[in-house]
N, C-alpha and C. Protein backbone atom coordinates (compact mmCIF):
# COMPACT_ATOMS: atom_id res chain seq x y z
N MET A 1 -180.46 -144.93 -116.88
CA MET A 1 -180.91 -144.82 -115.49
C MET A 1 -181.43 -146.14 -114.97
N GLN A 2 -182.22 -146.82 -115.80
CA GLN A 2 -182.78 -148.09 -115.43
C GLN A 2 -181.67 -149.12 -115.16
N LYS A 3 -180.64 -149.12 -116.01
CA LYS A 3 -179.51 -150.04 -115.84
C LYS A 3 -178.82 -149.79 -114.49
N ARG A 4 -178.63 -148.53 -114.14
CA ARG A 4 -177.99 -148.21 -112.85
C ARG A 4 -178.86 -148.74 -111.71
N GLN A 5 -180.13 -148.54 -111.76
CA GLN A 5 -181.03 -149.04 -110.71
C GLN A 5 -180.93 -150.53 -110.58
N LEU A 6 -180.90 -151.25 -111.71
CA LEU A 6 -180.77 -152.71 -111.66
C LEU A 6 -179.46 -153.09 -111.04
N PHE A 7 -178.39 -152.40 -111.39
CA PHE A 7 -177.09 -152.72 -110.83
C PHE A 7 -177.07 -152.48 -109.33
N LYS A 8 -177.63 -151.35 -108.94
CA LYS A 8 -177.64 -151.02 -107.51
C LYS A 8 -178.34 -152.07 -106.66
N SER A 9 -179.35 -152.70 -107.26
CA SER A 9 -180.09 -153.67 -106.49
C SER A 9 -179.52 -155.08 -106.59
N ALA A 10 -178.56 -155.29 -107.44
CA ALA A 10 -177.99 -156.62 -107.62
C ALA A 10 -177.13 -157.01 -106.46
N ALA A 11 -177.21 -158.26 -106.06
CA ALA A 11 -176.42 -158.75 -104.93
C ALA A 11 -174.94 -158.66 -105.24
N SER A 12 -174.58 -158.79 -106.50
CA SER A 12 -173.15 -158.74 -106.85
C SER A 12 -172.57 -157.38 -106.59
N PHE A 13 -173.37 -156.31 -106.62
CA PHE A 13 -172.84 -154.99 -106.35
C PHE A 13 -172.41 -154.90 -104.93
N GLY A 14 -173.15 -155.56 -103.98
CA GLY A 14 -172.75 -155.53 -102.62
C GLY A 14 -171.36 -156.13 -102.43
N ALA A 15 -171.08 -157.21 -103.16
CA ALA A 15 -169.75 -157.82 -103.11
C ALA A 15 -168.70 -156.92 -103.65
N LEU A 16 -169.05 -156.18 -104.71
CA LEU A 16 -168.10 -155.25 -105.31
C LEU A 16 -167.80 -154.11 -104.31
N ALA A 17 -168.82 -153.60 -103.69
CA ALA A 17 -168.65 -152.51 -102.69
C ALA A 17 -167.82 -153.02 -101.52
N LEU A 18 -168.11 -154.24 -101.07
CA LEU A 18 -167.35 -154.80 -99.97
C LEU A 18 -165.87 -154.97 -100.36
N GLY A 19 -165.67 -155.45 -101.58
CA GLY A 19 -164.31 -155.61 -102.06
C GLY A 19 -163.56 -154.27 -102.12
N ALA A 20 -164.25 -153.23 -102.53
CA ALA A 20 -163.65 -151.89 -102.59
C ALA A 20 -163.30 -151.41 -101.20
N SER A 21 -164.23 -151.61 -100.25
CA SER A 21 -163.94 -151.12 -98.91
C SER A 21 -162.82 -151.91 -98.25
N ALA A 22 -162.62 -153.16 -98.73
CA ALA A 22 -161.55 -153.99 -98.17
C ALA A 22 -160.23 -153.79 -98.86
N GLY A 23 -160.24 -152.88 -99.84
CA GLY A 23 -158.99 -152.61 -100.60
C GLY A 23 -158.78 -153.51 -101.77
N LEU A 24 -159.71 -154.40 -102.07
CA LEU A 24 -159.52 -155.35 -103.19
C LEU A 24 -159.76 -154.66 -104.50
N VAL A 25 -160.73 -153.73 -104.52
CA VAL A 25 -161.05 -152.98 -105.73
C VAL A 25 -160.95 -151.52 -105.31
N PRO A 26 -159.79 -150.90 -105.48
CA PRO A 26 -159.60 -149.52 -105.00
C PRO A 26 -160.64 -148.58 -105.61
N ALA A 27 -161.14 -147.68 -104.81
CA ALA A 27 -162.11 -146.71 -105.29
C ALA A 27 -161.47 -145.32 -105.25
N ARG A 28 -161.99 -144.44 -106.07
CA ARG A 28 -161.52 -143.05 -106.10
C ARG A 28 -161.75 -142.47 -104.73
N ALA A 29 -160.84 -141.65 -104.26
CA ALA A 29 -160.97 -140.99 -102.96
C ALA A 29 -162.31 -140.26 -102.89
N GLY A 30 -163.05 -140.45 -101.85
CA GLY A 30 -164.32 -139.79 -101.66
C GLY A 30 -165.48 -140.38 -102.47
N ALA A 31 -165.25 -141.53 -103.07
CA ALA A 31 -166.29 -142.14 -103.91
C ALA A 31 -167.43 -142.66 -103.03
N ASP A 32 -168.64 -142.52 -103.53
CA ASP A 32 -169.82 -143.10 -102.89
C ASP A 32 -169.90 -144.56 -103.36
N LEU A 33 -169.57 -145.52 -102.48
CA LEU A 33 -169.52 -146.91 -102.88
C LEU A 33 -170.88 -147.47 -103.19
N SER A 34 -171.97 -146.78 -102.83
CA SER A 34 -173.28 -147.26 -103.21
C SER A 34 -173.59 -146.93 -104.69
N ASN A 35 -172.74 -146.12 -105.30
CA ASN A 35 -172.94 -145.73 -106.69
C ASN A 35 -171.88 -146.45 -107.53
N PRO A 36 -172.26 -147.45 -108.32
CA PRO A 36 -171.26 -148.23 -109.10
C PRO A 36 -170.55 -147.42 -110.13
N MET A 37 -171.09 -146.25 -110.50
CA MET A 37 -170.48 -145.45 -111.51
C MET A 37 -169.27 -144.67 -110.93
N GLN A 38 -169.16 -144.65 -109.61
CA GLN A 38 -168.03 -143.92 -109.02
C GLN A 38 -166.89 -144.82 -108.60
N THR A 39 -167.07 -146.12 -108.61
CA THR A 39 -165.98 -147.02 -108.27
C THR A 39 -165.06 -147.21 -109.47
N ARG A 40 -163.83 -147.38 -109.20
CA ARG A 40 -162.88 -147.65 -110.31
C ARG A 40 -161.80 -148.61 -109.87
N ARG A 41 -161.28 -149.26 -110.81
CA ARG A 41 -160.18 -150.20 -110.54
C ARG A 41 -158.88 -149.53 -110.93
N THR A 42 -157.92 -149.55 -110.07
CA THR A 42 -156.64 -148.95 -110.39
C THR A 42 -155.54 -150.01 -110.39
N GLY A 43 -154.40 -149.66 -110.94
CA GLY A 43 -153.31 -150.60 -110.96
C GLY A 43 -153.47 -151.70 -112.00
N MET A 44 -154.37 -151.52 -112.92
CA MET A 44 -154.57 -152.53 -113.94
C MET A 44 -153.52 -152.38 -115.04
N SER A 45 -153.36 -153.43 -115.79
CA SER A 45 -152.31 -153.47 -116.79
C SER A 45 -152.76 -152.90 -118.13
N HIS A 46 -151.81 -152.83 -119.03
CA HIS A 46 -152.00 -152.36 -120.41
C HIS A 46 -151.60 -153.52 -121.31
N SER A 47 -152.45 -153.86 -122.26
CA SER A 47 -152.18 -155.00 -123.16
C SER A 47 -152.07 -154.50 -124.60
N THR A 48 -151.15 -155.14 -125.31
CA THR A 48 -151.01 -154.85 -126.75
C THR A 48 -151.16 -156.16 -127.53
N PHE A 49 -151.75 -156.03 -128.69
CA PHE A 49 -151.91 -157.15 -129.60
C PHE A 49 -151.31 -156.70 -130.94
N LEU A 50 -150.11 -157.17 -131.25
CA LEU A 50 -149.50 -156.89 -132.52
C LEU A 50 -150.00 -157.95 -133.51
N MET A 51 -150.80 -157.49 -134.44
CA MET A 51 -151.44 -158.37 -135.44
C MET A 51 -150.59 -158.34 -136.70
N ILE A 52 -150.10 -159.51 -137.13
CA ILE A 52 -149.25 -159.61 -138.32
C ILE A 52 -149.85 -160.65 -139.22
N LYS A 53 -150.14 -160.26 -140.43
CA LYS A 53 -150.71 -161.19 -141.44
C LYS A 53 -149.64 -161.47 -142.45
N VAL A 54 -149.24 -162.77 -142.51
CA VAL A 54 -148.25 -163.19 -143.51
C VAL A 54 -148.94 -164.21 -144.43
N PRO A 55 -148.38 -164.47 -145.59
CA PRO A 55 -148.96 -165.52 -146.43
C PRO A 55 -149.02 -166.82 -145.67
N ALA A 56 -150.15 -167.52 -145.74
CA ALA A 56 -150.39 -168.70 -144.91
C ALA A 56 -149.25 -169.71 -145.03
N GLU A 57 -148.72 -169.86 -146.22
CA GLU A 57 -147.66 -170.86 -146.41
C GLU A 57 -146.34 -170.48 -145.73
N HIS A 58 -146.21 -169.24 -145.27
CA HIS A 58 -144.98 -168.78 -144.60
C HIS A 58 -145.18 -168.57 -143.09
N ALA A 59 -146.33 -168.90 -142.57
CA ALA A 59 -146.58 -168.66 -141.17
C ALA A 59 -145.62 -169.37 -140.26
N ASP A 60 -145.35 -170.65 -140.54
CA ASP A 60 -144.40 -171.42 -139.70
C ASP A 60 -143.01 -170.83 -139.76
N ALA A 61 -142.57 -170.41 -140.93
CA ALA A 61 -141.23 -169.79 -141.06
C ALA A 61 -141.14 -168.52 -140.25
N PHE A 62 -142.21 -167.71 -140.29
CA PHE A 62 -142.22 -166.47 -139.53
C PHE A 62 -142.18 -166.77 -138.02
N VAL A 63 -142.98 -167.74 -137.56
CA VAL A 63 -142.94 -168.12 -136.15
C VAL A 63 -141.56 -168.61 -135.74
N ASP A 64 -140.94 -169.41 -136.58
CA ASP A 64 -139.58 -169.90 -136.31
C ASP A 64 -138.62 -168.74 -136.18
N PHE A 65 -138.68 -167.77 -137.12
CA PHE A 65 -137.82 -166.61 -137.03
C PHE A 65 -138.04 -165.87 -135.71
N TYR A 66 -139.27 -165.64 -135.35
CA TYR A 66 -139.62 -164.86 -134.16
C TYR A 66 -139.05 -165.50 -132.91
N VAL A 67 -139.18 -166.83 -132.84
CA VAL A 67 -138.70 -167.55 -131.65
C VAL A 67 -137.16 -167.60 -131.67
N GLU A 68 -136.56 -167.98 -132.80
CA GLU A 68 -135.10 -168.08 -132.88
C GLU A 68 -134.42 -166.73 -132.68
N ARG A 69 -135.07 -165.66 -133.11
CA ARG A 69 -134.52 -164.33 -132.96
C ARG A 69 -134.63 -163.83 -131.52
N ARG A 70 -135.42 -164.55 -130.70
CA ARG A 70 -135.60 -164.27 -129.29
C ARG A 70 -136.27 -162.90 -129.07
N ILE A 71 -137.22 -162.55 -129.89
CA ILE A 71 -137.84 -161.25 -129.83
C ILE A 71 -138.52 -161.04 -128.47
N LEU A 72 -139.37 -161.93 -128.09
CA LEU A 72 -140.06 -161.76 -126.80
C LEU A 72 -139.08 -161.87 -125.61
N ASP A 73 -138.13 -162.77 -125.74
CA ASP A 73 -137.14 -162.94 -124.66
C ASP A 73 -136.38 -161.64 -124.43
N GLU A 74 -135.92 -161.01 -125.54
CA GLU A 74 -135.15 -159.77 -125.43
C GLU A 74 -136.04 -158.63 -124.85
N CYS A 75 -137.29 -158.63 -125.22
CA CYS A 75 -138.19 -157.63 -124.67
C CYS A 75 -138.29 -157.81 -123.19
N LYS A 76 -138.48 -159.01 -122.70
CA LYS A 76 -138.61 -159.29 -121.26
C LYS A 76 -137.30 -158.88 -120.54
N GLU A 77 -136.15 -159.15 -121.18
CA GLU A 77 -134.84 -158.81 -120.56
C GLU A 77 -134.63 -157.32 -120.53
N THR A 78 -135.23 -156.60 -121.46
CA THR A 78 -134.95 -155.17 -121.63
C THR A 78 -135.93 -154.30 -120.82
N ILE A 79 -137.17 -154.67 -120.79
CA ILE A 79 -138.22 -153.81 -120.17
C ILE A 79 -138.81 -154.55 -118.99
N PRO A 80 -138.49 -154.07 -117.75
CA PRO A 80 -139.05 -154.74 -116.55
C PRO A 80 -140.56 -154.69 -116.49
N GLY A 81 -141.17 -153.74 -117.21
CA GLY A 81 -142.63 -153.60 -117.18
C GLY A 81 -143.36 -154.59 -118.05
N LEU A 82 -142.66 -155.48 -118.74
CA LEU A 82 -143.33 -156.52 -119.50
C LEU A 82 -143.71 -157.64 -118.52
N ILE A 83 -145.01 -157.83 -118.35
CA ILE A 83 -145.45 -158.89 -117.45
C ILE A 83 -145.36 -160.24 -118.15
N ARG A 84 -145.86 -160.30 -119.37
CA ARG A 84 -145.78 -161.54 -120.14
C ARG A 84 -145.95 -161.23 -121.60
N GLY A 85 -145.38 -162.10 -122.40
CA GLY A 85 -145.53 -162.01 -123.86
C GLY A 85 -145.79 -163.40 -124.41
N GLU A 86 -146.63 -163.42 -125.43
CA GLU A 86 -146.98 -164.71 -126.05
C GLU A 86 -147.13 -164.54 -127.55
N LEU A 87 -146.55 -165.45 -128.28
CA LEU A 87 -146.65 -165.48 -129.73
C LEU A 87 -147.74 -166.49 -130.10
N LEU A 88 -148.75 -166.02 -130.81
CA LEU A 88 -149.90 -166.87 -131.20
C LEU A 88 -149.98 -166.98 -132.70
N LYS A 89 -150.26 -168.19 -133.16
CA LYS A 89 -150.46 -168.44 -134.57
C LYS A 89 -151.90 -168.92 -134.76
N SER A 90 -152.59 -168.34 -135.70
CA SER A 90 -154.01 -168.69 -135.93
C SER A 90 -154.15 -170.19 -136.15
N SER A 91 -155.16 -170.73 -135.51
CA SER A 91 -155.49 -172.16 -135.73
C SER A 91 -156.30 -172.34 -137.01
N GLN A 92 -156.60 -171.25 -137.68
CA GLN A 92 -157.37 -171.32 -138.92
C GLN A 92 -156.49 -171.52 -140.15
N GLY A 93 -155.18 -171.47 -139.96
CA GLY A 93 -154.26 -171.68 -141.08
C GLY A 93 -154.28 -170.57 -142.08
N ASP A 94 -154.60 -169.35 -141.62
CA ASP A 94 -154.74 -168.22 -142.54
C ASP A 94 -153.56 -167.25 -142.54
N GLY A 95 -152.51 -167.59 -141.81
CA GLY A 95 -151.31 -166.74 -141.75
C GLY A 95 -151.41 -165.60 -140.76
N GLN A 96 -152.44 -165.58 -139.94
CA GLN A 96 -152.58 -164.51 -138.94
C GLN A 96 -151.73 -164.85 -137.71
N ILE A 97 -150.88 -163.91 -137.33
CA ILE A 97 -150.03 -164.05 -136.16
C ILE A 97 -150.40 -162.94 -135.19
N CYS A 98 -150.38 -163.26 -133.90
CA CYS A 98 -150.65 -162.23 -132.89
C CYS A 98 -149.56 -162.31 -131.83
N VAL A 99 -148.98 -161.15 -131.52
CA VAL A 99 -148.03 -161.08 -130.42
C VAL A 99 -148.76 -160.37 -129.29
N LEU A 100 -149.11 -161.12 -128.28
CA LEU A 100 -149.85 -160.60 -127.14
C LEU A 100 -148.86 -160.25 -126.04
N CYS A 101 -148.90 -159.00 -125.60
CA CYS A 101 -148.04 -158.59 -124.49
C CYS A 101 -148.86 -157.91 -123.43
N GLN A 102 -148.60 -158.22 -122.19
CA GLN A 102 -149.23 -157.56 -121.05
C GLN A 102 -148.13 -156.78 -120.35
N TRP A 103 -148.40 -155.49 -120.19
CA TRP A 103 -147.47 -154.55 -119.60
C TRP A 103 -148.00 -154.05 -118.23
N THR A 104 -147.10 -153.63 -117.38
CA THR A 104 -147.57 -153.05 -116.08
C THR A 104 -148.42 -151.81 -116.33
N ASP A 105 -148.08 -151.06 -117.35
CA ASP A 105 -148.84 -149.82 -117.70
C ASP A 105 -148.38 -149.36 -119.11
N LYS A 106 -149.03 -148.33 -119.56
CA LYS A 106 -148.71 -147.82 -120.90
C LYS A 106 -147.29 -147.26 -120.95
N ASP A 107 -146.79 -146.73 -119.87
CA ASP A 107 -145.41 -146.22 -119.87
C ASP A 107 -144.42 -147.33 -120.19
N ALA A 108 -144.65 -148.53 -119.65
CA ALA A 108 -143.74 -149.66 -119.94
C ALA A 108 -143.77 -149.99 -121.44
N TYR A 109 -144.93 -149.96 -122.03
CA TYR A 109 -145.04 -150.19 -123.49
C TYR A 109 -144.35 -149.09 -124.26
N ASN A 110 -144.49 -147.85 -123.84
CA ASN A 110 -143.82 -146.74 -124.52
C ASN A 110 -142.30 -146.85 -124.42
N GLN A 111 -141.79 -147.38 -123.26
CA GLN A 111 -140.38 -147.63 -123.14
C GLN A 111 -139.93 -148.66 -124.19
N TRP A 112 -140.74 -149.68 -124.42
CA TRP A 112 -140.41 -150.68 -125.43
C TRP A 112 -140.39 -150.06 -126.81
N LEU A 113 -141.39 -149.22 -127.12
CA LEU A 113 -141.43 -148.58 -128.41
C LEU A 113 -140.17 -147.74 -128.69
N ALA A 114 -139.63 -147.14 -127.63
CA ALA A 114 -138.45 -146.29 -127.80
C ALA A 114 -137.14 -147.02 -127.67
N SER A 115 -137.17 -148.32 -127.37
CA SER A 115 -135.98 -149.10 -127.08
C SER A 115 -135.15 -149.36 -128.35
N PRO A 116 -133.82 -149.17 -128.24
CA PRO A 116 -132.95 -149.53 -129.39
C PRO A 116 -132.99 -151.04 -129.66
N VAL A 117 -133.27 -151.86 -128.67
CA VAL A 117 -133.38 -153.29 -128.87
C VAL A 117 -134.55 -153.56 -129.84
N ARG A 118 -135.65 -152.88 -129.60
CA ARG A 118 -136.81 -153.07 -130.51
C ARG A 118 -136.47 -152.58 -131.91
N ALA A 119 -135.76 -151.48 -132.02
CA ALA A 119 -135.38 -150.96 -133.35
C ALA A 119 -134.54 -151.99 -134.08
N LYS A 120 -133.57 -152.63 -133.41
CA LYS A 120 -132.75 -153.67 -134.03
C LYS A 120 -133.59 -154.85 -134.44
N GLN A 121 -134.52 -155.24 -133.59
CA GLN A 121 -135.39 -156.37 -133.95
C GLN A 121 -136.22 -156.05 -135.20
N SER A 122 -136.70 -154.81 -135.30
CA SER A 122 -137.49 -154.40 -136.48
C SER A 122 -136.64 -154.49 -137.74
N ASP A 123 -135.37 -154.03 -137.64
CA ASP A 123 -134.47 -154.12 -138.76
C ASP A 123 -134.26 -155.58 -139.16
N ASP A 124 -134.06 -156.44 -138.17
CA ASP A 124 -133.84 -157.87 -138.46
C ASP A 124 -135.09 -158.50 -139.11
N ALA A 125 -136.23 -158.06 -138.68
CA ALA A 125 -137.48 -158.60 -139.30
C ALA A 125 -137.58 -158.22 -140.74
N MET A 126 -137.16 -156.98 -141.07
CA MET A 126 -137.19 -156.55 -142.45
C MET A 126 -136.23 -157.37 -143.31
N VAL A 127 -135.05 -157.69 -142.75
CA VAL A 127 -134.06 -158.53 -143.43
C VAL A 127 -134.68 -159.92 -143.65
N PHE A 128 -135.34 -160.46 -142.61
CA PHE A 128 -135.99 -161.76 -142.70
C PHE A 128 -136.98 -161.73 -143.88
N PHE A 129 -137.83 -160.76 -143.91
CA PHE A 129 -138.82 -160.68 -144.97
C PHE A 129 -138.21 -160.60 -146.35
N ASP A 130 -137.13 -159.79 -146.45
CA ASP A 130 -136.44 -159.64 -147.73
C ASP A 130 -135.83 -161.00 -148.17
N ASP A 131 -135.15 -161.65 -147.23
CA ASP A 131 -134.51 -162.94 -147.53
C ASP A 131 -135.51 -164.05 -147.84
N ALA A 132 -136.65 -164.01 -147.14
CA ALA A 132 -137.66 -165.06 -147.34
C ALA A 132 -138.50 -164.81 -148.58
N GLY A 133 -138.41 -163.62 -149.14
CA GLY A 133 -139.14 -163.32 -150.36
C GLY A 133 -140.61 -163.04 -150.21
N PHE A 134 -141.02 -162.64 -149.01
CA PHE A 134 -142.42 -162.23 -148.82
C PHE A 134 -142.47 -161.14 -147.82
N THR A 135 -143.58 -160.46 -147.70
CA THR A 135 -143.74 -159.38 -146.75
C THR A 135 -144.99 -159.61 -145.92
N ALA A 136 -145.09 -158.89 -144.86
CA ALA A 136 -146.35 -158.92 -144.08
C ALA A 136 -147.40 -158.19 -144.88
N GLU A 137 -148.54 -158.84 -145.05
CA GLU A 137 -149.62 -158.22 -145.80
C GLU A 137 -150.30 -157.14 -144.98
N ASP A 138 -150.25 -157.27 -143.67
CA ASP A 138 -150.86 -156.29 -142.78
C ASP A 138 -150.17 -156.40 -141.45
N MET A 139 -149.93 -155.29 -140.83
CA MET A 139 -149.34 -155.26 -139.49
C MET A 139 -149.90 -154.05 -138.78
N HIS A 140 -150.54 -154.29 -137.63
CA HIS A 140 -151.05 -153.20 -136.84
C HIS A 140 -151.15 -153.63 -135.38
N THR A 141 -151.18 -152.67 -134.51
CA THR A 141 -151.22 -152.92 -133.06
C THR A 141 -152.51 -152.43 -132.48
N LEU A 142 -153.14 -153.25 -131.68
CA LEU A 142 -154.32 -152.89 -130.89
C LEU A 142 -153.85 -152.72 -129.45
N GLU A 143 -154.35 -151.68 -128.77
CA GLU A 143 -153.97 -151.45 -127.36
C GLU A 143 -155.23 -151.40 -126.52
N PHE A 144 -155.10 -151.97 -125.31
CA PHE A 144 -156.21 -152.01 -124.39
C PHE A 144 -155.71 -151.79 -122.97
N ASP A 145 -156.52 -151.02 -122.21
CA ASP A 145 -156.28 -150.91 -120.77
C ASP A 145 -157.21 -151.91 -120.08
N SER A 146 -156.68 -152.58 -119.09
CA SER A 146 -157.49 -153.55 -118.38
C SER A 146 -158.64 -152.86 -117.64
N ALA A 147 -159.84 -153.43 -117.79
CA ALA A 147 -160.99 -152.92 -117.07
C ALA A 147 -161.34 -153.83 -115.89
N GLN A 148 -161.04 -155.09 -116.06
CA GLN A 148 -161.28 -156.09 -114.99
C GLN A 148 -160.40 -157.30 -115.25
N ALA A 149 -159.92 -157.90 -114.20
CA ALA A 149 -159.13 -159.15 -114.31
C ALA A 149 -159.65 -160.08 -113.23
N VAL A 150 -159.73 -161.33 -113.57
CA VAL A 150 -160.16 -162.33 -112.58
C VAL A 150 -159.12 -163.43 -112.51
């Protein structure tokens, strides 16, 4: 309750309420704009972080495979809801790879998951790992819905 009172009195909340009334930060129909707990942002994106851990000495080879195989390019060509994709390699030299994708919404990401293009890419990645003689030590996806963007 104290946090809400502090927020209500903050000058920044006035700007938020003004932005909502101007259509910059859409609010739920019938929302009391003086109550920050009732405002919400709509139309925000969905982001995925595919985390892949490979042996550090093979990180460059995996990045080369990913780029040469055109994995992100094919995703962009296949799913209009992909806003952007980026392949990141850890600057710590520990073999951690991150594939960051921003989607228009979760439905766009689900379209990618069901795509035959993605299935073929997964098969090709398994062949790459077999041929290269190593496997991903860990692979998992983190998903986030945007709460605010500036």
